[in-house]
Protein backbone atom coordinates (compact mmCIF):
# COMPACT_ATOMS: atom_id res chain seq x y z
CA MET A 1 -19.34 31.76 -3.80
CA SER A 2 -17.28 32.80 -0.80
CA ASP A 3 -13.51 32.33 -0.76
CA ASP A 4 -13.54 31.27 2.88
CA LEU A 5 -15.59 28.11 2.37
CA PRO A 6 -13.68 24.90 3.03
CA PRO A 7 -12.91 22.73 0.03
CA PRO A 8 -15.37 19.93 -0.60
CA PRO A 9 -14.50 16.64 1.07
CA GLN A 10 -12.43 14.25 -1.00
CA PRO A 11 -14.24 11.19 -2.28
CA PRO A 12 -13.52 8.11 -0.15
CA ARG A 13 -11.62 6.34 -2.92
CA GLN A 14 -9.15 9.21 -3.23
CA ALA A 15 -8.68 9.29 0.54
CA ARG A 16 -8.01 5.55 0.49
CA SER A 17 -5.62 5.93 -2.45
CA VAL A 18 -3.57 8.42 -0.44
CA ALA A 19 -3.70 6.06 2.56
CA ARG A 20 -2.37 3.21 0.39
CA LEU A 21 0.52 5.39 -0.75
CA ALA A 22 1.28 6.21 2.88
CA VAL A 23 1.20 2.50 3.79
CA VAL A 24 3.75 1.73 1.08
CA GLN A 25 5.97 4.55 2.33
CA ALA A 26 5.54 3.42 5.94
CA LEU A 27 6.37 -0.22 5.14
CA TYR A 28 9.49 0.93 3.30
CA GLN A 29 10.46 3.15 6.23
CA MET A 30 9.92 0.32 8.70
CA GLU A 31 12.09 -2.01 6.63
CA VAL A 32 15.03 0.36 6.30
CA SER A 33 14.87 1.84 9.81
CA GLY A 34 13.58 -1.04 11.90
CA ALA A 35 10.92 1.22 13.44
CA GLY A 36 7.83 -0.41 14.93
CA VAL A 37 4.35 -0.13 13.53
CA GLU A 38 2.85 2.02 16.29
CA ALA A 39 5.77 4.46 16.19
CA VAL A 40 5.40 4.82 12.42
CA ILE A 41 1.63 5.32 12.65
CA ARG A 42 2.23 8.05 15.24
CA GLU A 43 4.91 9.69 13.10
CA PHE A 44 2.68 9.75 10.02
CA SER A 45 -0.23 11.08 12.03
CA ASP A 46 1.83 13.77 13.78
CA HIS A 47 4.23 14.82 11.02
CA ARG A 48 3.49 13.47 7.56
CA PHE A 49 -0.21 13.67 6.84
CA GLU A 50 -1.28 17.02 5.45
CA ARG A 51 2.21 17.54 3.96
CA ASP A 52 4.13 16.65 0.85
CA VAL A 53 6.62 13.88 1.55
CA GLU A 54 9.31 13.07 -1.01
CA GLY A 55 7.24 14.68 -3.76
CA PHE A 56 4.01 12.88 -2.83
CA ALA A 57 1.10 14.73 -1.25
CA LEU A 58 -0.37 12.89 1.74
CA THR A 59 -3.16 15.39 2.29
CA GLY A 60 -6.63 13.99 2.61
CA ALA A 61 -5.56 10.47 3.56
CA ASP A 62 -8.04 8.19 5.28
CA GLU A 63 -5.88 7.91 8.41
CA ALA A 64 -7.98 5.17 10.02
CA PHE A 65 -7.70 3.05 6.85
CA PHE A 66 -3.94 3.74 6.78
CA ALA A 67 -3.49 2.53 10.37
CA GLU A 68 -5.70 -0.51 9.80
CA LEU A 69 -3.80 -1.55 6.66
CA LEU A 70 -0.37 -0.98 8.17
CA ARG A 71 -1.20 -2.92 11.33
CA GLY A 72 -2.77 -5.68 9.24
CA VAL A 73 0.22 -6.09 6.94
CA VAL A 74 2.57 -6.26 9.92
CA THR A 75 0.37 -8.63 11.94
CA HIS A 76 -0.18 -10.98 8.98
CA GLN A 77 3.23 -10.52 7.33
CA ALA A 78 4.18 -14.22 7.31
CA GLN A 79 0.88 -15.16 5.64
CA VAL A 80 1.09 -12.21 3.23
CA ASP A 81 4.67 -13.05 2.30
CA ARG A 82 3.72 -16.69 1.59
CA ALA A 83 0.90 -15.50 -0.68
CA VAL A 84 3.32 -13.27 -2.61
CA VAL A 85 6.13 -15.85 -2.80
CA ARG A 86 3.71 -18.39 -4.34
CA ARG A 87 3.38 -15.97 -7.26
CA LEU A 88 7.08 -15.26 -7.80
CA ALA A 89 9.07 -17.09 -10.46
CA THR A 90 10.61 -20.36 -9.35
CA GLY A 91 13.74 -19.71 -7.34
CA TRP A 92 12.95 -16.06 -6.63
CA ARG A 93 12.92 -14.92 -3.05
CA LEU A 94 10.99 -11.95 -1.74
CA GLU A 95 14.26 -10.44 -0.52
CA ARG A 96 15.47 -10.13 -4.14
CA LEU A 97 12.73 -7.64 -4.94
CA ASP A 98 13.17 -3.90 -4.59
CA ALA A 99 12.03 -2.77 -1.12
CA THR A 100 9.33 -0.53 -2.61
CA VAL A 101 8.00 -3.37 -4.76
CA ARG A 102 7.94 -5.57 -1.65
CA ALA A 103 5.96 -2.93 0.22
CA ILE A 104 3.47 -2.58 -2.66
CA LEU A 105 3.01 -6.35 -2.95
CA ARG A 106 2.66 -6.85 0.79
CA SER A 107 0.02 -4.17 1.13
CA GLY A 108 -1.88 -5.35 -1.95
CA ALA A 109 -1.74 -9.00 -0.91
CA TYR A 110 -2.98 -8.10 2.56
CA GLU A 111 -5.95 -6.22 1.14
CA LEU A 112 -6.78 -9.06 -1.22
CA SER A 113 -6.66 -11.66 1.51
CA GLU A 114 -8.12 -9.76 4.47
CA ARG A 115 -10.40 -7.09 2.98
CA PRO A 116 -13.06 -8.89 0.90
CA ASP A 117 -15.16 -5.71 1.06
CA VAL A 118 -12.76 -4.05 -1.40
CA PRO A 119 -13.28 -5.31 -4.97
CA THR A 120 -10.37 -7.24 -6.48
CA GLU A 121 -10.14 -4.87 -9.45
CA VAL A 122 -9.90 -1.84 -7.17
CA VAL A 123 -7.09 -3.36 -5.11
CA ILE A 124 -5.05 -4.39 -8.14
CA ASP A 125 -5.62 -1.11 -10.00
CA GLU A 126 -4.66 0.95 -6.95
CA TYR A 127 -1.36 -0.85 -6.40
CA VAL A 128 -0.47 -0.91 -10.10
CA GLU A 129 -0.99 2.85 -10.14
CA LEU A 130 1.23 3.17 -7.08
CA ALA A 131 3.91 1.11 -8.83
CA LYS A 132 3.64 3.46 -11.83
CA SER A 133 4.23 6.44 -9.53
CA PHE A 134 7.51 4.91 -8.32
CA PHE A 135 8.77 3.04 -11.42
CA GLU A 136 8.92 3.55 -15.18
CA GLY A 137 10.15 0.06 -16.06
CA PRO A 138 8.56 -3.38 -15.85
CA GLU A 139 7.61 -3.14 -12.17
CA PRO A 140 3.96 -2.06 -12.68
CA GLY A 141 3.36 -5.05 -14.95
CA PHE A 142 5.07 -7.31 -12.45
CA VAL A 143 2.89 -5.93 -9.63
CA ASN A 144 -0.20 -6.47 -11.78
CA GLY A 145 0.68 -10.09 -12.52
CA ALA A 146 1.69 -10.94 -8.97
CA LEU A 147 -1.39 -9.39 -7.37
CA ASP A 148 -3.67 -10.96 -9.98
CA GLY A 149 -2.18 -14.33 -9.03
CA VAL A 150 -2.60 -13.64 -5.31
CA ALA A 151 -6.24 -12.68 -5.98
CA GLN A 152 -6.82 -15.97 -7.80
CA ASP A 153 -5.34 -17.83 -4.82
CA VAL A 154 -7.14 -16.03 -2.00
CA ARG A 155 -10.43 -15.00 -3.61
CA ALA A 156 -11.23 -18.08 -5.67
């Protein structure tokens, strides 16, 4: 086997997993910087994909899926936020959650409500795994419970 052959293409699920990670990072960036969605998509496309960012490799991302998800979350943010808030404990506001948890929940809730082509289990598993990559405490379980509730609401 020749050393100059390109690596085999990544399976679509892995490419989408990387795109989901990038969406969470982009939503966080947008929240803390106030940058707009198109500017952030351009920045990721021009400077972040194919590199390691903050210890996370963004190589092999499905960039079209990334842009679609990010635009969708932003466009439908009021609806997505309502879906998430319905699943928070009484008296809790979305603003009380960690910004990364908010980004994970928003992206997951958007996929559950607007992407029926992606199985519920896949969406929940993907975002729980993302939560595990950022947090060692109760956050992954919280993400699991919240997204499971959103799925019951929007996919029933």
